[in-house]
């Protein structure tokens, strides 16, 4: 299921867009706090972003640039400022399309569908995985958080990938060892323990304290 993130401060427009997108069978979510857009983006890990230009605190161009630092996810600008200057600016900042307000929801959905198909039906990379403002880059095995980049070993990356994919759920040690086995010749319980301890130290070093929680007797958990 595709996930669409709507960054729009007009509650009526945002609500209508989210509701209509959901009717297409996609998952849609609107930004709740315009001061924490990147945290919400990382947590949701969308396949496409609908982005208004005129926003409080920071405009849409700013957020487009910030998103582009982390992801090549398609971005569609929505704006009543549809003069050539704003359209050119939106494209130069990294936007993929521009829809002028007021717009027809059917036309918007058709554009979104076409962009999703072009982006993901031809082998494009998977979306980023993220939580609490931390973003796992599936392209280069790094974790980014508040301007810091954490280099991960193969096993450390795999542990985070599995836990983030199952965010909010407890993952057993057996499940993690099976996942690590897929990319290694042999992984025993001690190997998992050592990798987990090293990973936690690295996470704490960039300010992600208790990012991975231990559920005694059950496994490990990253809470969203």
N, C-alpha and C. Protein backbone atom coordinates (compact mmCIF):
# COMPACT_ATOMS: atom_id res chain seq x y z
N UNK A 1 0.84 -1.19 0.00
CA UNK A 1 0.00 0.00 0.00
C UNK A 1 0.88 1.25 0.00
N UNK A 2 0.63 2.14 -0.94
CA UNK A 2 1.39 3.38 -0.99
C UNK A 2 0.98 4.31 0.15
N UNK A 3 1.97 5.06 0.66
CA UNK A 3 1.72 6.01 1.75
C UNK A 3 1.97 7.43 1.23
N UNK A 4 0.98 8.30 1.45
CA UNK A 4 1.05 9.69 0.97
C UNK A 4 1.06 10.62 2.17
N UNK A 5 2.04 11.53 2.21
CA UNK A 5 2.17 12.49 3.30
C UNK A 5 1.73 13.86 2.80
N UNK A 6 0.75 14.46 3.46
CA UNK A 6 0.18 15.73 3.05
C UNK A 6 0.66 16.84 3.99
N UNK A 7 1.44 17.76 3.46
CA UNK A 7 1.95 18.89 4.27
C UNK A 7 1.17 20.12 3.83
N UNK A 8 0.09 20.40 4.52
CA UNK A 8 -0.86 21.45 4.16
C UNK A 8 -1.47 21.98 5.45
N UNK A 9 -1.37 23.32 5.67
CA UNK A 9 -1.86 23.88 6.93
C UNK A 9 -3.33 24.22 6.92
N UNK A 10 -3.98 24.23 5.76
CA UNK A 10 -5.42 24.46 5.70
C UNK A 10 -6.12 23.15 6.06
N UNK A 11 -6.74 23.11 7.24
CA UNK A 11 -7.32 21.86 7.74
C UNK A 11 -8.39 21.30 6.82
N UNK A 12 -9.18 22.17 6.19
CA UNK A 12 -10.25 21.72 5.30
C UNK A 12 -9.66 21.05 4.07
N UNK A 13 -8.68 21.70 3.45
CA UNK A 13 -8.04 21.12 2.25
C UNK A 13 -7.32 19.83 2.61
N UNK A 14 -6.55 19.86 3.69
CA UNK A 14 -5.79 18.67 4.08
C UNK A 14 -6.71 17.50 4.36
N UNK A 15 -7.82 17.78 5.09
CA UNK A 15 -8.76 16.71 5.41
C UNK A 15 -9.41 16.11 4.17
N UNK A 16 -9.78 16.98 3.22
CA UNK A 16 -10.42 16.51 1.99
C UNK A 16 -9.45 15.67 1.16
N UNK A 17 -8.20 16.12 1.09
CA UNK A 17 -7.20 15.38 0.30
C UNK A 17 -6.93 14.02 0.94
N UNK A 18 -6.74 13.99 2.25
CA UNK A 18 -6.47 12.72 2.95
C UNK A 18 -7.63 11.75 2.76
N UNK A 19 -8.86 12.25 2.91
CA UNK A 19 -10.03 11.39 2.76
C UNK A 19 -10.14 10.84 1.34
N UNK A 20 -9.90 11.69 0.34
CA UNK A 20 -10.04 11.23 -1.04
C UNK A 20 -8.93 10.24 -1.41
N UNK A 21 -7.72 10.52 -0.95
CA UNK A 21 -6.61 9.60 -1.22
C UNK A 21 -6.88 8.23 -0.61
N UNK A 22 -7.43 8.23 0.61
CA UNK A 22 -7.75 6.97 1.27
C UNK A 22 -8.79 6.18 0.48
N UNK A 23 -9.68 6.88 -0.22
CA UNK A 23 -10.71 6.20 -1.00
C UNK A 23 -10.11 5.45 -2.20
N UNK A 24 -8.89 5.78 -2.56
CA UNK A 24 -8.18 5.09 -3.63
C UNK A 24 -7.46 3.84 -3.11
N UNK A 25 -7.53 3.61 -1.81
CA UNK A 25 -6.87 2.46 -1.23
C UNK A 25 -5.46 2.71 -0.77
N UNK A 26 -5.04 3.99 -0.79
CA UNK A 26 -3.72 4.34 -0.30
C UNK A 26 -3.83 4.80 1.15
N UNK A 27 -2.71 4.80 1.85
CA UNK A 27 -2.67 5.31 3.22
C UNK A 27 -2.23 6.77 3.18
N UNK A 28 -3.00 7.63 3.78
CA UNK A 28 -2.67 9.06 3.76
C UNK A 28 -2.60 9.61 5.18
N UNK A 29 -1.68 10.53 5.38
CA UNK A 29 -1.53 11.18 6.68
C UNK A 29 -1.13 12.63 6.46
N UNK A 30 -1.70 13.54 7.25
CA UNK A 30 -1.33 14.95 7.13
C UNK A 30 -0.38 15.34 8.25
N UNK A 31 0.46 16.31 7.97
CA UNK A 31 1.39 16.81 8.98
C UNK A 31 0.59 17.47 10.10
N UNK A 32 0.89 17.11 11.33
CA UNK A 32 0.16 17.64 12.47
C UNK A 32 0.83 18.85 13.10
N UNK A 33 2.15 18.91 13.03
CA UNK A 33 2.90 20.00 13.66
C UNK A 33 3.87 20.57 12.64
N UNK A 34 3.62 21.79 12.20
CA UNK A 34 4.43 22.39 11.15
C UNK A 34 5.85 22.76 11.61
N UNK A 35 6.15 22.59 12.89
CA UNK A 35 7.52 22.79 13.36
C UNK A 35 8.29 21.47 13.40
N UNK A 36 7.59 20.35 13.19
CA UNK A 36 8.23 19.03 13.29
C UNK A 36 7.98 18.22 12.01
N UNK A 37 7.97 18.89 10.89
CA UNK A 37 7.64 18.23 9.62
C UNK A 37 8.60 17.09 9.31
N UNK A 38 9.90 17.30 9.51
CA UNK A 38 10.86 16.26 9.15
C UNK A 38 10.75 15.04 10.06
N UNK A 39 10.45 15.27 11.33
CA UNK A 39 10.26 14.13 12.24
C UNK A 39 9.06 13.30 11.80
N UNK A 40 7.97 13.99 11.44
CA UNK A 40 6.78 13.27 11.00
C UNK A 40 7.04 12.56 9.66
N UNK A 41 7.78 13.22 8.78
CA UNK A 41 8.13 12.61 7.50
C UNK A 41 8.93 11.32 7.72
N UNK A 42 9.95 11.40 8.57
CA UNK A 42 10.80 10.24 8.82
C UNK A 42 10.02 9.11 9.48
N UNK A 43 9.13 9.46 10.39
CA UNK A 43 8.35 8.45 11.09
C UNK A 43 7.39 7.73 10.16
N UNK A 44 6.77 8.48 9.24
CA UNK A 44 5.77 7.90 8.34
C UNK A 44 6.41 7.18 7.15
N UNK A 45 7.58 7.66 6.71
CA UNK A 45 8.30 7.10 5.56
C UNK A 45 7.39 6.95 4.34
N UNK A 46 6.89 8.07 3.81
CA UNK A 46 5.91 8.00 2.72
C UNK A 46 6.54 7.66 1.37
N UNK A 47 5.68 7.24 0.44
CA UNK A 47 6.12 7.00 -0.94
C UNK A 47 6.00 8.27 -1.79
N UNK A 48 5.20 9.24 -1.32
CA UNK A 48 4.99 10.49 -2.07
C UNK A 48 4.55 11.57 -1.10
N UNK A 49 4.95 12.82 -1.40
CA UNK A 49 4.61 13.96 -0.54
C UNK A 49 3.81 14.98 -1.35
N UNK A 50 2.71 15.45 -0.78
CA UNK A 50 1.95 16.58 -1.32
C UNK A 50 2.28 17.78 -0.43
N UNK A 51 2.82 18.84 -1.02
CA UNK A 51 3.43 19.90 -0.23
C UNK A 51 2.93 21.28 -0.66
N UNK A 52 2.30 21.98 0.28
CA UNK A 52 1.88 23.36 0.04
C UNK A 52 3.09 24.28 0.12
N UNK A 53 3.03 25.40 -0.59
CA UNK A 53 4.14 26.37 -0.52
C UNK A 53 3.97 27.30 0.67
N UNK A 54 2.78 27.88 0.82
CA UNK A 54 2.56 28.85 1.88
C UNK A 54 2.22 28.18 3.20
N UNK A 55 3.24 27.94 4.02
CA UNK A 55 3.07 27.27 5.31
C UNK A 55 3.58 28.16 6.44
N UNK A 56 3.07 27.98 7.65
CA UNK A 56 3.60 28.75 8.79
C UNK A 56 5.00 28.25 9.16
N UNK A 57 5.77 29.10 9.81
CA UNK A 57 7.11 28.82 10.30
C UNK A 57 8.13 28.73 9.15
N UNK A 58 7.98 27.75 8.27
CA UNK A 58 8.86 27.57 7.12
C UNK A 58 8.00 27.27 5.90
N UNK A 59 8.38 27.82 4.74
CA UNK A 59 7.55 27.57 3.57
C UNK A 59 7.87 26.21 2.94
N UNK A 60 7.06 25.85 1.94
CA UNK A 60 7.21 24.55 1.32
C UNK A 60 8.55 24.35 0.65
N UNK A 61 9.14 25.42 0.12
CA UNK A 61 10.46 25.29 -0.50
C UNK A 61 11.50 24.79 0.51
N UNK A 62 11.43 25.33 1.72
CA UNK A 62 12.36 24.90 2.77
C UNK A 62 12.22 23.41 3.03
N UNK A 63 10.98 22.95 3.19
CA UNK A 63 10.78 21.53 3.52
C UNK A 63 11.15 20.64 2.35
N UNK A 64 10.97 21.11 1.14
CA UNK A 64 11.38 20.34 -0.04
C UNK A 64 12.88 20.11 -0.01
N UNK A 65 13.63 21.16 0.27
CA UNK A 65 15.09 21.05 0.34
C UNK A 65 15.50 20.08 1.44
N UNK A 66 14.85 20.17 2.60
CA UNK A 66 15.18 19.27 3.72
C UNK A 66 14.88 17.82 3.37
N UNK A 67 13.74 17.58 2.74
CA UNK A 67 13.39 16.21 2.33
C UNK A 67 14.40 15.68 1.33
N UNK A 68 14.82 16.53 0.40
CA UNK A 68 15.76 16.10 -0.63
C UNK A 68 17.14 15.75 -0.06
N UNK A 69 17.45 16.23 1.14
CA UNK A 69 18.71 15.86 1.77
C UNK A 69 18.69 14.39 2.19
N UNK A 70 17.48 13.84 2.36
CA UNK A 70 17.33 12.48 2.85
C UNK A 70 16.77 11.51 1.83
N UNK A 71 15.96 12.01 0.91
CA UNK A 71 15.17 11.10 0.10
C UNK A 71 14.88 11.67 -1.29
N UNK A 72 14.70 10.76 -2.24
CA UNK A 72 14.27 11.14 -3.59
C UNK A 72 12.78 10.81 -3.79
N UNK A 73 12.05 10.70 -2.71
CA UNK A 73 10.61 10.45 -2.78
C UNK A 73 9.94 11.53 -3.64
N UNK A 74 8.97 11.17 -4.49
CA UNK A 74 8.31 12.19 -5.32
C UNK A 74 7.61 13.26 -4.47
N UNK A 75 7.73 14.52 -4.91
CA UNK A 75 7.10 15.65 -4.21
C UNK A 75 6.23 16.40 -5.21
N UNK A 76 4.96 16.58 -4.86
CA UNK A 76 4.03 17.36 -5.68
C UNK A 76 3.67 18.62 -4.90
N UNK A 77 3.98 19.77 -5.47
CA UNK A 77 3.63 21.04 -4.83
C UNK A 77 2.16 21.36 -5.09
N UNK A 78 1.50 21.89 -4.06
CA UNK A 78 0.13 22.38 -4.16
C UNK A 78 0.15 23.86 -3.78
N UNK A 79 -0.36 24.73 -4.65
CA UNK A 79 -0.30 26.15 -4.30
C UNK A 79 -1.24 26.97 -5.16
N UNK A 80 -1.78 28.02 -4.55
CA UNK A 80 -2.58 28.99 -5.29
C UNK A 80 -1.67 29.99 -6.00
N UNK A 81 -0.39 30.01 -5.59
CA UNK A 81 0.60 30.87 -6.25
C UNK A 81 1.15 30.13 -7.46
N UNK A 82 0.36 30.10 -8.52
CA UNK A 82 0.70 29.24 -9.66
C UNK A 82 1.31 30.00 -10.83
N UNK A 83 1.92 31.15 -10.54
CA UNK A 83 2.60 31.89 -11.61
C UNK A 83 3.87 31.15 -12.01
N UNK A 84 4.41 31.51 -13.15
CA UNK A 84 5.57 30.80 -13.68
C UNK A 84 6.76 30.80 -12.73
N UNK A 85 6.97 31.90 -12.01
CA UNK A 85 8.11 32.00 -11.11
C UNK A 85 8.03 30.92 -10.03
N UNK A 86 6.84 30.75 -9.43
CA UNK A 86 6.70 29.76 -8.37
C UNK A 86 6.79 28.33 -8.91
N UNK A 87 6.27 28.11 -10.10
CA UNK A 87 6.36 26.77 -10.69
C UNK A 87 7.82 26.41 -10.97
N UNK A 88 8.56 27.36 -11.55
CA UNK A 88 9.98 27.13 -11.83
C UNK A 88 10.76 26.92 -10.54
N UNK A 89 10.46 27.76 -9.53
CA UNK A 89 11.13 27.62 -8.23
C UNK A 89 10.87 26.24 -7.62
N UNK A 90 9.62 25.78 -7.68
CA UNK A 90 9.26 24.48 -7.12
C UNK A 90 10.03 23.35 -7.79
N UNK A 91 10.16 23.41 -9.12
CA UNK A 91 10.89 22.38 -9.84
C UNK A 91 12.40 22.45 -9.53
N UNK A 92 12.92 23.67 -9.45
CA UNK A 92 14.35 23.82 -9.16
C UNK A 92 14.70 23.35 -7.75
N UNK A 93 13.76 23.45 -6.83
CA UNK A 93 14.00 23.02 -5.45
C UNK A 93 13.93 21.51 -5.28
N UNK A 94 13.48 20.83 -6.33
CA UNK A 94 13.41 19.36 -6.24
C UNK A 94 12.03 18.78 -6.38
N UNK A 95 11.02 19.62 -6.69
CA UNK A 95 9.67 19.12 -6.88
C UNK A 95 9.54 18.31 -8.16
N UNK A 96 8.57 17.42 -8.20
CA UNK A 96 8.34 16.58 -9.38
C UNK A 96 7.12 17.02 -10.18
N UNK A 97 6.20 17.73 -9.53
CA UNK A 97 5.01 18.21 -10.23
C UNK A 97 4.43 19.38 -9.45
N UNK A 98 3.51 20.10 -10.09
CA UNK A 98 2.90 21.28 -9.49
C UNK A 98 1.42 21.27 -9.81
N UNK A 99 0.58 21.38 -8.77
CA UNK A 99 -0.87 21.42 -8.96
C UNK A 99 -1.39 22.73 -8.39
N UNK A 100 -2.06 23.52 -9.24
CA UNK A 100 -2.56 24.82 -8.81
C UNK A 100 -3.87 24.69 -8.04
N UNK A 101 -3.99 25.49 -6.98
CA UNK A 101 -5.25 25.59 -6.24
C UNK A 101 -6.12 26.65 -6.89
N UNK A 102 -7.46 26.49 -6.86
CA UNK A 102 -8.17 25.28 -6.41
C UNK A 102 -8.01 24.15 -7.43
N UNK A 103 -8.01 22.93 -6.95
CA UNK A 103 -7.81 21.79 -7.85
C UNK A 103 -8.96 20.80 -7.68
N UNK A 104 -9.13 19.97 -8.69
CA UNK A 104 -10.12 18.91 -8.65
C UNK A 104 -9.46 17.67 -8.03
N UNK A 105 -10.12 17.07 -7.06
CA UNK A 105 -9.52 15.94 -6.36
C UNK A 105 -9.26 14.76 -7.29
N UNK A 106 -10.12 14.57 -8.29
CA UNK A 106 -9.90 13.48 -9.23
C UNK A 106 -8.64 13.71 -10.06
N UNK A 107 -8.43 14.95 -10.47
CA UNK A 107 -7.23 15.29 -11.23
C UNK A 107 -5.98 15.09 -10.37
N UNK A 108 -6.05 15.54 -9.11
CA UNK A 108 -4.93 15.36 -8.20
C UNK A 108 -4.60 13.88 -8.02
N UNK A 109 -5.63 13.07 -7.78
CA UNK A 109 -5.42 11.63 -7.58
C UNK A 109 -4.82 10.99 -8.83
N UNK A 110 -5.26 11.42 -10.00
CA UNK A 110 -4.72 10.87 -11.25
C UNK A 110 -3.23 11.21 -11.39
N UNK A 111 -2.86 12.44 -11.03
CA UNK A 111 -1.46 12.84 -11.08
C UNK A 111 -0.63 12.02 -10.09
N UNK A 112 -1.18 11.84 -8.89
CA UNK A 112 -0.48 11.06 -7.87
C UNK A 112 -0.29 9.62 -8.35
N UNK A 113 -1.34 9.04 -8.89
CA UNK A 113 -1.27 7.66 -9.37
C UNK A 113 -0.21 7.52 -10.48
N UNK A 114 -0.19 8.45 -11.40
CA UNK A 114 0.77 8.40 -12.50
C UNK A 114 2.21 8.52 -11.98
N UNK A 115 2.40 9.42 -11.02
CA UNK A 115 3.75 9.62 -10.48
C UNK A 115 4.21 8.41 -9.68
N UNK A 116 3.31 7.82 -8.92
CA UNK A 116 3.65 6.60 -8.18
C UNK A 116 4.02 5.47 -9.14
N UNK A 117 3.25 5.35 -10.20
CA UNK A 117 3.51 4.27 -11.17
C UNK A 117 4.88 4.47 -11.83
N UNK A 118 5.16 5.71 -12.24
CA UNK A 118 6.45 5.98 -12.89
C UNK A 118 7.62 5.76 -11.94
N UNK A 119 7.40 6.09 -10.67
CA UNK A 119 8.49 6.02 -9.71
C UNK A 119 8.76 4.61 -9.22
N UNK A 120 7.70 3.86 -8.92
CA UNK A 120 7.88 2.59 -8.23
C UNK A 120 7.66 1.35 -9.10
N UNK A 121 7.09 1.49 -10.26
CA UNK A 121 6.89 0.32 -11.11
C UNK A 121 8.11 -0.01 -11.94
N UNK A 122 9.16 0.81 -11.84
CA UNK A 122 10.34 0.58 -12.66
C UNK A 122 11.59 0.43 -11.80
N UNK A 123 11.38 -0.18 -10.63
CA UNK A 123 12.52 -0.58 -9.82
C UNK A 123 13.17 0.52 -9.01
N UNK A 124 12.43 1.58 -8.70
CA UNK A 124 13.01 2.63 -7.87
C UNK A 124 13.26 2.10 -6.46
N UNK A 125 14.11 2.79 -5.74
CA UNK A 125 14.47 2.33 -4.40
C UNK A 125 13.29 2.44 -3.45
N UNK A 126 13.35 1.62 -2.41
CA UNK A 126 12.30 1.61 -1.40
C UNK A 126 12.35 2.89 -0.60
N UNK A 127 11.25 3.28 0.02
CA UNK A 127 11.27 4.50 0.83
C UNK A 127 12.16 4.33 2.05
N UNK A 128 12.49 5.45 2.66
CA UNK A 128 13.30 5.42 3.85
C UNK A 128 12.52 4.85 5.02
N UNK A 129 13.24 4.28 5.96
CA UNK A 129 12.64 3.82 7.20
C UNK A 129 13.06 4.80 8.29
N UNK A 130 12.12 5.21 9.13
CA UNK A 130 12.48 6.18 10.14
C UNK A 130 11.60 6.12 11.36
N UNK A 131 12.09 6.77 12.43
CA UNK A 131 11.33 6.86 13.68
C UNK A 131 12.00 7.90 14.57
N UNK A 132 11.20 8.71 15.24
CA UNK A 132 11.69 9.71 16.20
C UNK A 132 12.73 10.64 15.58
N UNK A 133 12.59 10.93 14.28
CA UNK A 133 13.51 11.84 13.63
C UNK A 133 14.75 11.18 13.07
N UNK A 134 14.97 9.91 13.39
CA UNK A 134 16.09 9.16 12.84
C UNK A 134 15.65 8.49 11.54
N UNK A 135 16.53 8.52 10.53
CA UNK A 135 16.18 7.98 9.22
C UNK A 135 17.24 6.96 8.80
N UNK A 136 16.80 5.73 8.51
CA UNK A 136 17.68 4.68 8.02
C UNK A 136 17.68 4.73 6.50
N UNK A 137 18.84 4.99 5.93
CA UNK A 137 18.95 5.07 4.47
C UNK A 137 19.22 3.68 3.94
N UNK A 138 18.25 3.14 3.18
CA UNK A 138 18.38 1.79 2.66
C UNK A 138 19.35 1.72 1.49
N UNK A 139 19.84 2.86 1.05
CA UNK A 139 20.76 2.88 -0.08
C UNK A 139 22.22 2.73 0.31
N UNK A 140 22.60 3.30 1.45
CA UNK A 140 24.03 3.28 1.80
C UNK A 140 24.31 2.80 3.23
N UNK A 141 23.34 2.14 3.86
CA UNK A 141 23.54 1.54 5.19
C UNK A 141 24.00 2.56 6.23
N UNK A 142 23.35 3.72 6.25
CA UNK A 142 23.64 4.73 7.26
C UNK A 142 22.35 5.13 7.97
N UNK A 143 22.52 5.68 9.17
CA UNK A 143 21.40 6.25 9.92
C UNK A 143 21.69 7.72 10.12
N UNK A 144 20.71 8.58 9.81
CA UNK A 144 20.89 10.02 9.97
C UNK A 144 19.96 10.53 11.07
N UNK A 145 20.54 11.42 11.89
CA UNK A 145 19.74 11.98 12.99
C UNK A 145 20.30 13.34 13.36
N UNK A 146 19.45 14.37 13.24
CA UNK A 146 19.79 15.74 13.62
C UNK A 146 21.14 16.17 13.03
N UNK A 147 21.30 15.95 11.73
CA UNK A 147 22.50 16.38 11.04
C UNK A 147 23.70 15.46 11.18
N UNK A 148 23.56 14.38 11.94
CA UNK A 148 24.65 13.43 12.13
C UNK A 148 24.40 12.18 11.27
N UNK A 149 25.48 11.60 10.79
CA UNK A 149 25.39 10.38 9.99
C UNK A 149 26.14 9.26 10.69
N UNK A 150 25.45 8.17 10.94
CA UNK A 150 26.02 7.03 11.65
C UNK A 150 26.29 5.90 10.66
N UNK A 151 27.56 5.52 10.53
CA UNK A 151 27.93 4.40 9.67
C UNK A 151 27.62 3.09 10.41
N UNK A 152 26.97 2.17 9.71
CA UNK A 152 26.54 0.92 10.33
C UNK A 152 27.22 -0.27 9.66
N UNK A 153 27.54 -1.28 10.47
CA UNK A 153 28.00 -2.54 9.90
C UNK A 153 26.81 -3.25 9.25
N UNK A 154 27.09 -4.30 8.49
CA UNK A 154 26.02 -5.03 7.81
C UNK A 154 24.99 -5.56 8.81
N UNK A 155 25.47 -6.15 9.91
CA UNK A 155 24.55 -6.70 10.90
C UNK A 155 23.79 -5.61 11.66
N UNK A 156 24.47 -4.52 11.99
CA UNK A 156 23.81 -3.41 12.68
C UNK A 156 22.70 -2.83 11.82
N UNK A 157 23.01 -2.65 10.54
CA UNK A 157 21.99 -2.15 9.61
C UNK A 157 20.81 -3.10 9.54
N UNK A 158 21.08 -4.40 9.44
CA UNK A 158 20.01 -5.39 9.31
C UNK A 158 19.13 -5.41 10.56
N UNK A 159 19.75 -5.29 11.73
CA UNK A 159 18.97 -5.26 12.97
C UNK A 159 18.01 -4.07 12.97
N UNK A 160 18.54 -2.89 12.64
CA UNK A 160 17.69 -1.69 12.61
C UNK A 160 16.60 -1.82 11.55
N UNK A 161 16.95 -2.35 10.39
CA UNK A 161 15.97 -2.50 9.32
C UNK A 161 14.79 -3.36 9.77
N UNK A 162 15.09 -4.49 10.38
CA UNK A 162 14.02 -5.39 10.82
C UNK A 162 13.17 -4.72 11.90
N UNK A 163 13.81 -4.09 12.88
CA UNK A 163 13.06 -3.46 13.97
C UNK A 163 12.22 -2.29 13.49
N UNK A 164 12.74 -1.51 12.53
CA UNK A 164 11.98 -0.38 12.00
C UNK A 164 10.83 -0.85 11.11
N UNK A 165 11.06 -1.91 10.36
CA UNK A 165 9.97 -2.47 9.55
C UNK A 165 8.84 -2.99 10.43
N UNK A 166 9.19 -3.44 11.64
CA UNK A 166 8.20 -3.95 12.59
C UNK A 166 7.96 -2.97 13.72
N UNK A 167 8.15 -1.67 13.44
CA UNK A 167 8.05 -0.63 14.46
C UNK A 167 6.76 -0.75 15.26
N UNK A 168 6.90 -0.69 16.59
CA UNK A 168 5.75 -0.83 17.47
C UNK A 168 5.46 -2.26 17.86
N UNK A 169 6.19 -3.21 17.27
CA UNK A 169 5.99 -4.62 17.58
C UNK A 169 7.27 -5.20 18.16
N UNK A 170 7.13 -6.15 19.07
CA UNK A 170 8.29 -6.82 19.64
C UNK A 170 8.78 -7.90 18.68
N UNK A 171 10.09 -7.85 18.39
CA UNK A 171 10.70 -8.82 17.49
C UNK A 171 11.57 -9.76 18.33
N UNK A 172 11.35 -11.05 18.20
CA UNK A 172 12.07 -12.02 19.01
C UNK A 172 13.53 -12.13 18.58
N UNK A 173 14.36 -12.63 19.49
CA UNK A 173 15.77 -12.86 19.16
C UNK A 173 15.89 -13.88 18.04
N UNK A 174 15.05 -14.90 18.07
CA UNK A 174 15.09 -15.93 17.02
C UNK A 174 14.83 -15.31 15.64
N UNK A 175 13.85 -14.41 15.59
CA UNK A 175 13.53 -13.75 14.31
C UNK A 175 14.72 -12.93 13.82
N UNK A 176 15.34 -12.19 14.73
CA UNK A 176 16.50 -11.37 14.34
C UNK A 176 17.65 -12.26 13.86
N UNK A 177 17.88 -13.37 14.55
CA UNK A 177 18.98 -14.25 14.14
C UNK A 177 18.71 -14.87 12.78
N UNK A 178 17.44 -15.20 12.50
CA UNK A 178 17.11 -15.74 11.18
C UNK A 178 17.36 -14.70 10.10
N UNK A 179 17.01 -13.44 10.39
CA UNK A 179 17.21 -12.38 9.42
C UNK A 179 18.70 -12.13 9.18
N UNK A 180 19.50 -12.19 10.25
CA UNK A 180 20.94 -11.99 10.11
C UNK A 180 21.56 -13.17 9.37
N UNK A 181 21.02 -14.36 9.57
CA UNK A 181 21.54 -15.56 8.91
C UNK A 181 21.46 -15.40 7.39
N UNK A 182 20.46 -14.68 6.91
CA UNK A 182 20.29 -14.50 5.47
C UNK A 182 21.48 -13.79 4.84
N UNK A 183 22.20 -12.99 5.64
CA UNK A 183 23.31 -12.21 5.09
C UNK A 183 24.66 -12.61 5.71
N UNK A 184 24.68 -13.70 6.45
CA UNK A 184 25.93 -14.13 7.09
C UNK A 184 25.99 -15.65 7.07
N UNK A 185 27.20 -16.19 7.25
CA UNK A 185 27.35 -17.64 7.23
C UNK A 185 26.77 -18.28 8.48
N UNK A 186 26.95 -17.61 9.62
CA UNK A 186 26.41 -18.16 10.86
C UNK A 186 26.27 -17.05 11.90
N UNK A 187 25.15 -17.01 12.57
CA UNK A 187 24.92 -16.04 13.64
C UNK A 187 24.37 -16.79 14.84
N UNK A 188 25.09 -16.73 15.95
CA UNK A 188 24.58 -17.36 17.17
C UNK A 188 24.09 -16.29 18.13
N UNK A 189 23.62 -16.70 19.29
CA UNK A 189 23.05 -15.74 20.24
C UNK A 189 24.08 -14.74 20.72
N UNK A 190 25.32 -15.19 20.91
CA UNK A 190 26.37 -14.28 21.38
C UNK A 190 26.67 -13.21 20.34
N UNK A 191 26.67 -13.61 19.05
CA UNK A 191 26.91 -12.65 17.97
C UNK A 191 25.83 -11.57 17.98
N UNK A 192 24.58 -11.97 18.15
CA UNK A 192 23.48 -11.00 18.20
C UNK A 192 23.64 -10.07 19.39
N UNK A 193 23.99 -10.63 20.55
CA UNK A 193 24.16 -9.82 21.77
C UNK A 193 25.25 -8.77 21.58
N UNK A 194 26.38 -9.18 20.99
CA UNK A 194 27.51 -8.27 20.77
C UNK A 194 27.10 -7.16 19.79
N UNK A 195 26.45 -7.54 18.70
CA UNK A 195 26.02 -6.55 17.71
C UNK A 195 25.00 -5.59 18.29
N UNK A 196 24.08 -6.10 19.09
CA UNK A 196 23.06 -5.24 19.69
C UNK A 196 23.70 -4.25 20.66
N UNK A 197 24.64 -4.70 21.47
CA UNK A 197 25.30 -3.81 22.43
C UNK A 197 26.08 -2.72 21.70
N UNK A 198 26.81 -3.09 20.64
CA UNK A 198 27.58 -2.11 19.88
C UNK A 198 26.66 -1.11 19.19
N UNK A 199 25.56 -1.60 18.64
CA UNK A 199 24.60 -0.73 17.98
C UNK A 199 24.00 0.27 18.96
N UNK A 200 23.64 -0.19 20.14
CA UNK A 200 23.06 0.72 21.14
C UNK A 200 24.06 1.80 21.55
N UNK A 201 25.33 1.44 21.68
CA UNK A 201 26.35 2.45 22.03
C UNK A 201 26.45 3.50 20.93
N UNK A 202 26.42 3.06 19.69
CA UNK A 202 26.47 4.00 18.57
C UNK A 202 25.26 4.93 18.58
N UNK A 203 24.08 4.38 18.81
CA UNK A 203 22.86 5.18 18.84
C UNK A 203 22.90 6.21 19.97
N UNK A 204 23.36 5.78 21.13
CA UNK A 204 23.47 6.71 22.27
C UNK A 204 24.47 7.81 21.96
N UNK A 205 25.49 7.49 21.18
CA UNK A 205 26.52 8.47 20.85
C UNK A 205 26.01 9.63 20.01
N UNK A 206 24.90 9.45 19.30
CA UNK A 206 24.32 10.56 18.52
C UNK A 206 23.02 11.07 19.15
N UNK A 207 22.77 10.64 20.40
CA UNK A 207 21.63 11.17 21.14
C UNK A 207 20.37 10.32 21.12
N UNK A 208 20.46 9.12 20.55
CA UNK A 208 19.28 8.25 20.50
C UNK A 208 19.33 7.25 21.65
N UNK A 209 19.07 7.76 22.83
CA UNK A 209 19.08 6.93 24.04
C UNK A 209 17.80 6.09 24.11
N UNK A 210 17.95 4.83 24.46
CA UNK A 210 16.82 3.90 24.58
C UNK A 210 15.99 3.85 23.30
N UNK A 211 16.66 3.99 22.17
CA UNK A 211 15.97 3.88 20.88
C UNK A 211 15.45 2.46 20.67
N UNK A 212 16.27 1.48 21.07
CA UNK A 212 15.86 0.07 21.02
C UNK A 212 15.59 -0.39 22.45
N UNK A 213 14.40 -0.85 22.69
CA UNK A 213 14.02 -1.32 24.03
C UNK A 213 14.07 -2.84 24.09
N UNK A 214 14.47 -3.36 25.25
CA UNK A 214 14.44 -4.81 25.47
C UNK A 214 13.15 -5.20 26.19
N UNK A 215 12.44 -6.15 25.63
CA UNK A 215 11.27 -6.72 26.30
C UNK A 215 11.71 -8.06 26.86
N UNK A 216 11.92 -8.10 28.16
CA UNK A 216 12.54 -9.26 28.80
C UNK A 216 11.80 -10.55 28.48
N UNK A 217 12.55 -11.51 27.97
CA UNK A 217 11.99 -12.81 27.64
C UNK A 217 11.25 -12.85 26.32
N UNK A 218 11.12 -11.68 25.65
CA UNK A 218 10.35 -11.62 24.40
C UNK A 218 11.20 -11.18 23.20
N UNK A 219 12.02 -10.15 23.38
CA UNK A 219 12.82 -9.68 22.27
C UNK A 219 13.09 -8.18 22.34
N UNK A 220 13.05 -7.52 21.19
CA UNK A 220 13.42 -6.11 21.12
C UNK A 220 12.32 -5.32 20.41
N UNK A 221 12.30 -4.02 20.70
CA UNK A 221 11.20 -3.18 20.21
C UNK A 221 11.68 -1.77 19.96
N UNK A 222 11.28 -1.19 18.82
CA UNK A 222 11.40 0.25 18.58
C UNK A 222 9.98 0.81 18.57
N UNK A 223 9.72 1.71 19.50
CA UNK A 223 8.38 2.30 19.59
C UNK A 223 8.29 3.54 18.71
N UNK A 224 7.18 3.65 17.95
CA UNK A 224 6.99 4.80 17.06
C UNK A 224 6.58 6.03 17.81
